[in-house]
Amino acid sequence: MPLQNLEVTANKVSTLVTIRGAMTVVQVNDVAEVLLNVFAIEKKVELCLANVTEVDLAGLQLLCTAHRTSRKKGVPISIVGRKPAALAWAV
């Protein structure tokens, strides 16, 4: 995933990670790297998936890993905005 499809916006209490386009095996390594850096900040993490167009098993695994990481580090994570059709179809 080209990094232009990822946007990270931080404020005093949370960090918003906006993902656009596909969230598939081709892109998950880039997204995972960004998420690990965001978790290191130790502020609430918000994922905006509203503009995700495609999700495969690797994308779902990434979401599960992000959840496990948030619990392990004690950093809250949530999905914000509307749920895209691609994610609704996948789950």
PDB file of N, CA and C in Angstrom:
ATOM      1  N   MET A   1       0.866  -1.174   0.000  1.00  0.00           N
ATOM      2  CA  MET A   1       0.000   0.000   0.000  1.00  0.00           C
ATOM      3  C   MET A   1       0.903   1.224   0.000  1.00  0.00           C
ATOM      4  N   PRO A   2       0.777   2.034  -0.995  1.00  0.00           N
ATOM      5  CA  PRO A   2       1.545   3.277  -0.936  1.00  0.00           C
ATOM      6  C   PRO A   2       1.128   4.053   0.304  1.00  0.00           C
ATOM      7  N   LEU A   3       2.095   4.688   0.933  1.00  0.00           N
ATOM      8  CA  LEU A   3       1.795   5.372   2.184  1.00  0.00           C
ATOM      9  C   LEU A   3       0.831   6.530   2.007  1.00  0.00           C
ATOM     10  N   GLN A   4       0.584   6.990   0.768  1.00  0.00           N
ATOM     11  CA  GLN A   4      -0.410   8.044   0.586  1.00  0.00           C
ATOM     12  C   GLN A   4      -1.821   7.517   0.892  1.00  0.00           C
ATOM     13  N   ASN A   5      -1.983   6.197   0.989  1.00  0.00           N
ATOM     14  CA  ASN A   5      -3.281   5.625   1.351  1.00  0.00           C
ATOM     15  C   ASN A   5      -3.441   5.478   2.861  1.00  0.00           C
ATOM     16  N   LEU A   6      -2.436   5.919   3.594  1.00  0.00           N
ATOM     17  CA  LEU A   6      -2.470   5.918   5.049  1.00  0.00           C
ATOM     18  C   LEU A   6      -2.261   7.341   5.537  1.00  0.00           C
ATOM     19  N   GLU A   7      -3.077   7.732   6.493  1.00  0.00           N
ATOM     20  CA  GLU A   7      -2.919   9.068   7.083  1.00  0.00           C
ATOM     21  C   GLU A   7      -2.966   8.925   8.595  1.00  0.00           C
ATOM     22  N   VAL A   8      -2.017   9.527   9.273  1.00  0.00           N
ATOM     23  CA  VAL A   8      -1.959   9.493  10.732  1.00  0.00           C
ATOM     24  C   VAL A   8      -2.111  10.915  11.242  1.00  0.00           C
ATOM     25  N   THR A   9      -3.113  11.109  12.102  1.00  0.00           N
ATOM     26  CA  THR A   9      -3.382  12.416  12.680  1.00  0.00           C
ATOM     27  C   THR A   9      -3.434  12.261  14.195  1.00  0.00           C
ATOM     28  N   ALA A  10      -2.571  13.003  14.891  1.00  0.00           N
ATOM     29  CA  ALA A  10      -2.518  12.883  16.349  1.00  0.00           C
ATOM     30  C   ALA A  10      -3.016  14.155  17.008  1.00  0.00           C
ATOM     31  N   ASN A  11      -3.687  13.983  18.150  1.00  0.00           N
ATOM     32  CA  ASN A  11      -4.022  15.117  19.006  1.00  0.00           C
ATOM     33  C   ASN A  11      -3.596  14.757  20.429  1.00  0.00           C
ATOM     34  N   LYS A  12      -4.013  15.497  21.411  1.00  0.00           N
ATOM     35  CA  LYS A  12      -3.540  15.278  22.786  1.00  0.00           C
ATOM     36  C   LYS A  12      -3.988  13.945  23.386  1.00  0.00           C
ATOM     37  N   VAL A  13      -5.135  13.426  22.950  1.00  0.00           N
ATOM     38  CA  VAL A  13      -5.662  12.227  23.593  1.00  0.00           C
ATOM     39  C   VAL A  13      -5.685  10.981  22.719  1.00  0.00           C
ATOM     40  N   SER A  14      -5.587  11.149  21.400  1.00  0.00           N
ATOM     41  CA  SER A  14      -5.681   9.977  20.530  1.00  0.00           C
ATOM     42  C   SER A  14      -4.901  10.172  19.236  1.00  0.00           C
ATOM     43  N   THR A  15      -4.721   9.065  18.546  1.00  0.00           N
ATOM     44  CA  THR A  15      -4.102   9.071  17.226  1.00  0.00           C
ATOM     45  C   THR A  15      -5.068   8.399  16.265  1.00  0.00           C
ATOM     46  N   LEU A  16      -5.424   9.118  15.223  1.00  0.00           N
ATOM     47  CA  LEU A  16      -6.339   8.603  14.204  1.00  0.00           C
ATOM     48  C   LEU A  16      -5.526   8.078  13.027  1.00  0.00           C
ATOM     49  N   VAL A  17      -5.773   6.818  12.665  1.00  0.00           N
ATOM     50  CA  VAL A  17      -5.144   6.217  11.491  1.00  0.00           C
ATOM     51  C   VAL A  17      -6.249   5.991  10.468  1.00  0.00           C
ATOM     52  N   THR A  18      -6.146   6.693   9.332  1.00  0.00           N
ATOM     53  CA  THR A  18      -7.127   6.568   8.261  1.00  0.00           C
ATOM     54  C   THR A  18      -6.521   5.707   7.165  1.00  0.00           C
ATOM     55  N   ILE A  19      -7.244   4.660   6.797  1.00  0.00           N
ATOM     56  CA  ILE A  19      -6.797   3.737   5.754  1.00  0.00           C
ATOM     57  C   ILE A  19      -7.745   3.870   4.577  1.00  0.00           C
ATOM     58  N   ARG A  20      -7.171   4.047   3.389  1.00  0.00           N
ATOM     59  CA  ARG A  20      -7.966   4.164   2.163  1.00  0.00           C
ATOM     60  C   ARG A  20      -7.548   3.066   1.187  1.00  0.00           C
ATOM     61  N   GLY A  21      -8.501   2.618   0.381  1.00  0.00           N
ATOM     62  CA  GLY A  21      -8.182   1.608  -0.629  1.00  0.00           C
ATOM     63  C   GLY A  21      -8.246   0.207  -0.053  1.00  0.00           C
ATOM     64  N   ALA A  22      -7.451  -0.680  -0.636  1.00  0.00           N
ATOM     65  CA  ALA A  22      -7.474  -2.090  -0.244  1.00  0.00           C
ATOM     66  C   ALA A  22      -6.716  -2.323   1.046  1.00  0.00           C
ATOM     67  N   MET A  23      -7.189  -3.285   1.816  1.00  0.00           N
ATOM     68  CA  MET A  23      -6.495  -3.752   3.012  1.00  0.00           C
ATOM     69  C   MET A  23      -6.361  -5.270   2.853  1.00  0.00           C
ATOM     70  N   THR A  24      -5.393  -5.639   2.008  1.00  0.00           N
ATOM     71  CA  THR A  24      -5.201  -7.037   1.637  1.00  0.00           C
ATOM     72  C   THR A  24      -3.760  -7.440   1.908  1.00  0.00           C
ATOM     73  N   VAL A  25      -3.445  -8.672   1.588  1.00  0.00           N
ATOM     74  CA  VAL A  25      -2.113  -9.219   1.841  1.00  0.00           C
ATOM     75  C   VAL A  25      -1.014  -8.338   1.243  1.00  0.00           C
ATOM     76  N   VAL A  26      -1.306  -7.651   0.172  1.00  0.00           N
ATOM     77  CA  VAL A  26      -0.315  -6.789  -0.473  1.00  0.00           C
ATOM     78  C   VAL A  26      -0.004  -5.566   0.383  1.00  0.00           C
ATOM     79  N   GLN A  27      -0.972  -5.074   1.138  1.00  0.00           N
ATOM     80  CA  GLN A  27      -0.825  -3.822   1.877  1.00  0.00           C
ATOM     81  C   GLN A  27      -0.577  -3.975   3.369  1.00  0.00           C
ATOM     82  N   VAL A  28      -0.880  -5.126   3.948  1.00  0.00           N
ATOM     83  CA  VAL A  28      -0.908  -5.204   5.411  1.00  0.00           C
ATOM     84  C   VAL A  28       0.433  -4.942   6.084  1.00  0.00           C
ATOM     85  N   ASN A  29       1.537  -5.259   5.459  1.00  0.00           N
ATOM     86  CA  ASN A  29       2.827  -4.997   6.102  1.00  0.00           C
ATOM     87  C   ASN A  29       3.028  -3.510   6.347  1.00  0.00           C
ATOM     88  N   ASP A  30       2.675  -2.675   5.369  1.00  0.00           N
ATOM     89  CA  ASP A  30       2.798  -1.228   5.543  1.00  0.00           C
ATOM     90  C   ASP A  30       1.875  -0.731   6.656  1.00  0.00           C
ATOM     91  N   VAL A  31       0.653  -1.231   6.663  1.00  0.00           N
ATOM     92  CA  VAL A  31      -0.308  -0.815   7.698  1.00  0.00           C
ATOM     93  C   VAL A  31       0.168  -1.279   9.071  1.00  0.00           C
ATOM     94  N   ALA A  32       0.662  -2.510   9.164  1.00  0.00           N
ATOM     95  CA  ALA A  32       1.141  -3.038  10.442  1.00  0.00           C
ATOM     96  C   ALA A  32       2.297  -2.202  10.980  1.00  0.00           C
ATOM     97  N   GLU A  33       3.206  -1.802  10.114  1.00  0.00           N
ATOM     98  CA  GLU A  33       4.345  -0.984  10.543  1.00  0.00           C
ATOM     99  C   GLU A  33       3.874   0.354  11.116  1.00  0.00           C
ATOM    100  N   VAL A  34       2.914   0.968  10.428  1.00  0.00           N
ATOM    101  CA  VAL A  34       2.369   2.243  10.915  1.00  0.00           C
ATOM    102  C   VAL A  34       1.681   2.036  12.256  1.00  0.00           C
ATOM    103  N   LEU A  35       0.885   0.978  12.379  1.00  0.00           N
ATOM    104  CA  LEU A  35       0.169   0.732  13.636  1.00  0.00           C
ATOM    105  C   LEU A  35       1.133   0.481  14.802  1.00  0.00           C
ATOM    106  N   LEU A  36       2.210  -0.258  14.554  1.00  0.00           N
ATOM    107  CA  LEU A  36       3.186  -0.481  15.630  1.00  0.00           C
ATOM    108  C   LEU A  36       3.786   0.839  16.098  1.00  0.00           C
ATOM    109  N   ASN A  37       4.079   1.727  15.172  1.00  0.00           N
ATOM    110  CA  ASN A  37       4.608   3.042  15.548  1.00  0.00           C
ATOM    111  C   ASN A  37       3.576   3.852  16.323  1.00  0.00           C
ATOM    112  N   VAL A  38       2.316   3.742  15.916  1.00  0.00           N
ATOM    113  CA  VAL A  38       1.246   4.474  16.603  1.00  0.00           C
ATOM    114  C   VAL A  38       1.037   3.927  18.016  1.00  0.00           C
ATOM    115  N   PHE A  39       1.076   2.606  18.191  1.00  0.00           N
ATOM    116  CA  PHE A  39       0.926   2.031  19.530  1.00  0.00           C
ATOM    117  C   PHE A  39       2.065   2.458  20.445  1.00  0.00           C
ATOM    118  N   ALA A  40       3.239   2.703  19.897  1.00  0.00           N
ATOM    119  CA  ALA A  40       4.383   3.123  20.706  1.00  0.00           C
ATOM    120  C   ALA A  40       4.158   4.498  21.337  1.00  0.00           C
ATOM    121  N   ILE A  41       3.274   5.305  20.741  1.00  0.00           N
ATOM    122  CA  ILE A  41       2.962   6.625  21.281  1.00  0.00           C
ATOM    123  C   ILE A  41       2.157   6.514  22.578  1.00  0.00           C
ATOM    124  N   GLU A  42       1.463   5.391  22.748  1.00  0.00           N
ATOM    125  CA  GLU A  42       0.686   5.087  23.958  1.00  0.00           C
ATOM    126  C   GLU A  42      -0.486   6.026  24.198  1.00  0.00           C
ATOM    127  N   LYS A  43      -1.123   6.463  23.115  1.00  0.00           N
ATOM    128  CA  LYS A  43      -2.386   7.195  23.217  1.00  0.00           C
ATOM    129  C   LYS A  43      -3.458   6.333  22.562  1.00  0.00           C
ATOM    130  N   LYS A  44      -4.715   6.625  22.868  1.00  0.00           N
ATOM    131  CA  LYS A  44      -5.819   5.897  22.254  1.00  0.00           C
ATOM    132  C   LYS A  44      -5.646   5.886  20.736  1.00  0.00           C
ATOM    133  N   VAL A  45      -5.885   4.725  20.120  1.00  0.00           N
ATOM    134  CA  VAL A  45      -5.771   4.571  18.670  1.00  0.00           C
ATOM    135  C   VAL A  45      -7.165   4.455  18.079  1.00  0.00           C
ATOM    136  N   GLU A  46      -7.433   5.267  17.074  1.00  0.00           N
ATOM    137  CA  GLU A  46      -8.698   5.197  16.347  1.00  0.00           C
ATOM    138  C   GLU A  46      -8.392   4.835  14.899  1.00  0.00           C
ATOM    139  N   LEU A  47      -9.102   3.841  14.386  1.00  0.00           N
ATOM    140  CA  LEU A  47      -8.954   3.430  12.991  1.00  0.00           C
ATOM    141  C   LEU A  47     -10.167   3.890  12.209  1.00  0.00           C
ATOM    142  N   CYS A  48      -9.933   4.631  11.146  1.00  0.00           N
ATOM    143  CA  CYS A  48     -11.013   5.005  10.236  1.00  0.00           C
ATOM    144  C   CYS A  48     -10.878   4.130   9.000  1.00  0.00           C
ATOM    145  N   LEU A  49     -11.846   3.273   8.800  1.00  0.00           N
ATOM    146  CA  LEU A  49     -11.834   2.334   7.682  1.00  0.00           C
ATOM    147  C   LEU A  49     -12.917   2.669   6.656  1.00  0.00           C
ATOM    148  N   ALA A  50     -13.523   3.836   6.764  1.00  0.00           N
ATOM    149  CA  ALA A  50     -14.669   4.198   5.929  1.00  0.00           C
ATOM    150  C   ALA A  50     -14.364   4.144   4.441  1.00  0.00           C
ATOM    151  N   ASN A  51     -13.104   4.363   4.059  1.00  0.00           N
ATOM    152  CA  ASN A  51     -12.748   4.372   2.639  1.00  0.00           C
ATOM    153  C   ASN A  51     -11.966   3.144   2.215  1.00  0.00           C
ATOM    154  N   VAL A  52     -12.076   2.069   3.008  1.00  0.00           N
ATOM    155  CA  VAL A  52     -11.461   0.803   2.622  1.00  0.00           C
ATOM    156  C   VAL A  52     -12.345   0.163   1.559  1.00  0.00           C
ATOM    157  N   THR A  53     -11.731  -0.240   0.460  1.00  0.00           N
ATOM    158  CA  THR A  53     -12.501  -0.774  -0.673  1.00  0.00           C
ATOM    159  C   THR A  53     -12.459  -2.292  -0.783  1.00  0.00           C
ATOM    160  N   GLU A  54     -11.485  -2.915  -0.120  1.00  0.00           N
ATOM    161  CA  GLU A  54     -11.330  -4.366  -0.226  1.00  0.00           C
ATOM    162  C   GLU A  54     -10.631  -4.874   1.029  1.00  0.00           C
ATOM    163  N   VAL A  55     -11.116  -6.008   1.549  1.00  0.00           N
ATOM    164  CA  VAL A  55     -10.514  -6.636   2.728  1.00  0.00           C
ATOM    165  C   VAL A  55     -10.431  -8.131   2.460  1.00  0.00           C
ATOM    166  N   ASP A  56      -9.266  -8.719   2.748  1.00  0.00           N
ATOM    167  CA  ASP A  56      -9.143 -10.170   2.659  1.00  0.00           C
ATOM    168  C   ASP A  56      -8.766 -10.717   4.037  1.00  0.00           C
ATOM    169  N   LEU A  57      -8.435 -11.986   4.094  1.00  0.00           N
ATOM    170  CA  LEU A  57      -8.109 -12.601   5.377  1.00  0.00           C
ATOM    171  C   LEU A  57      -6.933 -11.903   6.049  1.00  0.00           C
ATOM    172  N   ALA A  58      -5.940 -11.494   5.294  1.00  0.00           N
ATOM    173  CA  ALA A  58      -4.787 -10.790   5.883  1.00  0.00           C
ATOM    174  C   ALA A  58      -5.228  -9.477   6.526  1.00  0.00           C
ATOM    175  N   GLY A  59      -6.159  -8.779   5.907  1.00  0.00           N
ATOM    176  CA  GLY A  59      -6.689  -7.544   6.482  1.00  0.00           C
ATOM    177  C   GLY A  59      -7.429  -7.799   7.782  1.00  0.00           C
ATOM    178  N   LEU A  60      -8.223  -8.864   7.821  1.00  0.00           N
ATOM    179  CA  LEU A  60      -8.932  -9.230   9.057  1.00  0.00           C
ATOM    180  C   LEU A  60      -7.947  -9.639  10.144  1.00  0.00           C
ATOM    181  N   GLN A  61      -6.900 -10.386   9.766  1.00  0.00           N
ATOM    182  CA  GLN A  61      -5.880 -10.775  10.733  1.00  0.00           C
ATOM    183  C   GLN A  61      -5.170  -9.546  11.298  1.00  0.00           C
ATOM    184  N   LEU A  62      -4.947  -8.560  10.443  1.00  0.00           N
ATOM    185  CA  LEU A  62      -4.319  -7.323  10.903  1.00  0.00           C
ATOM    186  C   LEU A  62      -5.179  -6.647  11.973  1.00  0.00           C
ATOM    187  N   LEU A  63      -6.489  -6.611  11.765  1.00  0.00           N
ATOM    188  CA  LEU A  63      -7.379  -6.019  12.761  1.00  0.00           C
ATOM    189  C   LEU A  63      -7.340  -6.804  14.072  1.00  0.00           C
ATOM    190  N   CYS A  64      -7.303  -8.128  13.979  1.00  0.00           N
ATOM    191  CA  CYS A  64      -7.213  -8.957  15.187  1.00  0.00           C
ATOM    192  C   CYS A  64      -5.890  -8.725  15.908  1.00  0.00           C
ATOM    193  N   THR A  65      -4.806  -8.626  15.156  1.00  0.00           N
ATOM    194  CA  THR A  65      -3.495  -8.368  15.756  1.00  0.00           C
ATOM    195  C   THR A  65      -3.461  -6.996  16.410  1.00  0.00           C
ATOM    196  N   ALA A  66      -4.065  -6.007  15.768  1.00  0.00           N
ATOM    197  CA  ALA A  66      -4.128  -4.666  16.354  1.00  0.00           C
ATOM    198  C   ALA A  66      -4.888  -4.707  17.674  1.00  0.00           C
ATOM    199  N   HIS A  67      -5.967  -5.462  17.723  1.00  0.00           N
ATOM    200  CA  HIS A  67      -6.741  -5.590  18.965  1.00  0.00           C
ATOM    201  C   HIS A  67      -5.905  -6.254  20.056  1.00  0.00           C
ATOM    202  N   ARG A  68      -5.222  -7.341  19.715  1.00  0.00           N
ATOM    203  CA  ARG A  68      -4.371  -8.022  20.704  1.00  0.00           C
ATOM    204  C   ARG A  68      -3.251  -7.103  21.199  1.00  0.00           C
ATOM    205  N   THR A  69      -2.658  -6.357  20.286  1.00  0.00           N
ATOM    206  CA  THR A  69      -1.590  -5.435  20.661  1.00  0.00           C
ATOM    207  C   THR A  69      -2.119  -4.357  21.596  1.00  0.00           C
ATOM    208  N   SER A  70      -3.315  -3.859  21.315  1.00  0.00           N
ATOM    209  CA  SER A  70      -3.889  -2.810  22.168  1.00  0.00           C
ATOM    210  C   SER A  70      -4.114  -3.336  23.584  1.00  0.00           C
ATOM    211  N   ARG A  71      -4.591  -4.561  23.697  1.00  0.00           N
ATOM    212  CA  ARG A  71      -4.819  -5.142  25.028  1.00  0.00           C
ATOM    213  C   ARG A  71      -3.501  -5.384  25.754  1.00  0.00           C
ATOM    214  N   LYS A  72      -2.506  -5.884  25.021  1.00  0.00           N
ATOM    215  CA  LYS A  72      -1.204  -6.171  25.622  1.00  0.00           C
ATOM    216  C   LYS A  72      -0.532  -4.890  26.127  1.00  0.00           C
ATOM    217  N   LYS A  73      -0.624  -3.825  25.371  1.00  0.00           N
ATOM    218  CA  LYS A  73       0.027  -2.567  25.726  1.00  0.00           C
ATOM    219  C   LYS A  73      -0.855  -1.672  26.604  1.00  0.00           C
ATOM    220  N   GLY A  74      -2.128  -2.044  26.744  1.00  0.00           N
ATOM    221  CA  GLY A  74      -3.041  -1.224  27.534  1.00  0.00           C
ATOM    222  C   GLY A  74      -3.417   0.072  26.833  1.00  0.00           C
ATOM    223  N   VAL A  75      -3.381   0.054  25.514  1.00  0.00           N
ATOM    224  CA  VAL A  75      -3.716   1.231  24.707  1.00  0.00           C
ATOM    225  C   VAL A  75      -5.063   0.954  24.021  1.00  0.00           C
ATOM    226  N   PRO A  76      -6.095   1.730  24.335  1.00  0.00           N
ATOM    227  CA  PRO A  76      -7.406   1.490  23.725  1.00  0.00           C
ATOM    228  C   PRO A  76      -7.356   1.664  22.201  1.00  0.00           C
ATOM    229  N   ILE A  77      -8.161   0.871  21.510  1.00  0.00           N
ATOM    230  CA  ILE A  77      -8.295   0.986  20.060  1.00  0.00           C
ATOM    231  C   ILE A  77      -9.768   0.911  19.710  1.00  0.00           C
ATOM    232  N   SER A  78     -10.178   1.678  18.715  1.00  0.00           N
ATOM    233  CA  SER A  78     -11.565   1.617  18.254  1.00  0.00           C
ATOM    234  C   SER A  78     -11.616   1.906  16.761  1.00  0.00           C
ATOM    235  N   ILE A  79     -12.676   1.431  16.149  1.00  0.00           N
ATOM    236  CA  ILE A  79     -12.944   1.727  14.743  1.00  0.00           C
ATOM    237  C   ILE A  79     -13.963   2.848  14.731  1.00  0.00           C
ATOM    238  N   VAL A  80     -13.651   3.924  14.026  1.00  0.00           N
ATOM    239  CA  VAL A  80     -14.526   5.093  13.990  1.00  0.00           C
ATOM    240  C   VAL A  80     -15.063   5.296  12.581  1.00  0.00           C
ATOM    241  N   GLY A  81     -16.153   6.038  12.496  1.00  0.00           N
ATOM    242  CA  GLY A  81     -16.758   6.301  11.189  1.00  0.00           C
ATOM    243  C   GLY A  81     -17.621   5.144  10.740  1.00  0.00           C
ATOM    244  N   ARG A  82     -18.110   5.275   9.548  1.00  0.00           N
ATOM    245  CA  ARG A  82     -18.998   4.225   9.032  1.00  0.00           C
ATOM    246  C   ARG A  82     -18.203   2.995   8.632  1.00  0.00           C
ATOM    247  N   LYS A  83     -18.869   1.853   8.711  1.00  0.00           N
ATOM    248  CA  LYS A  83     -18.227   0.598   8.329  1.00  0.00           C
ATOM    249  C   LYS A  83     -18.382   0.430   6.814  1.00  0.00           C
ATOM    250  N   PRO A  84     -17.261   0.262   6.106  1.00  0.00           N
ATOM    251  CA  PRO A  84     -17.349   0.141   4.653  1.00  0.00           C
ATOM    252  C   PRO A  84     -17.971  -1.198   4.248  1.00  0.00           C
ATOM    253  N   ALA A  85     -18.570  -1.216   3.073  1.00  0.00           N
ATOM    254  CA  ALA A  85     -19.197  -2.444   2.567  1.00  0.00           C
ATOM    255  C   ALA A  85     -18.183  -3.580   2.486  1.00  0.00           C
ATOM    256  N   ALA A  86     -16.935  -3.252   2.147  1.00  0.00           N
ATOM    257  CA  ALA A  86     -15.905  -4.291   2.035  1.00  0.00           C
ATOM    258  C   ALA A  86     -15.692  -4.992   3.366  1.00  0.00           C
ATOM    259  N   LEU A  87     -15.745  -4.260   4.460  1.00  0.00           N
ATOM    260  CA  LEU A  87     -15.558  -4.863   5.776  1.00  0.00           C
ATOM    261  C   LEU A  87     -16.822  -5.597   6.197  1.00  0.00           C
ATOM    262  N   ALA A  88     -17.975  -5.052   5.907  1.00  0.00           N
ATOM    263  CA  ALA A  88     -19.230  -5.717   6.254  1.00  0.00           C
ATOM    264  C   ALA A  88     -19.321  -7.059   5.556  1.00  0.00           C
ATOM    265  N   TRP A  89     -18.859  -7.112   4.304  1.00  0.00           N
ATOM    266  CA  TRP A  89     -18.875  -8.348   3.551  1.00  0.00           C
ATOM    267  C   TRP A  89     -17.903  -9.372   4.155  1.00  0.00           C
ATOM    268  N   ALA A  90     -16.739  -8.889   4.601  1.00  0.00           N
ATOM    269  CA  ALA A  90     -15.694  -9.773   5.105  1.00  0.00           C
ATOM    270  C   ALA A  90     -16.068 -10.404   6.438  1.00  0.00           C
ATOM    271  N   VAL A  91     -16.839  -9.697   7.263  1.00  0.00           N
ATOM    272  CA  VAL A  91     -17.209 -10.238   8.558  1.00  0.00           C
ATOM    273  C   VAL A  91     -18.659 -10.622   8.509  1.00  0.00           C
TER     274      VAL A  91
END
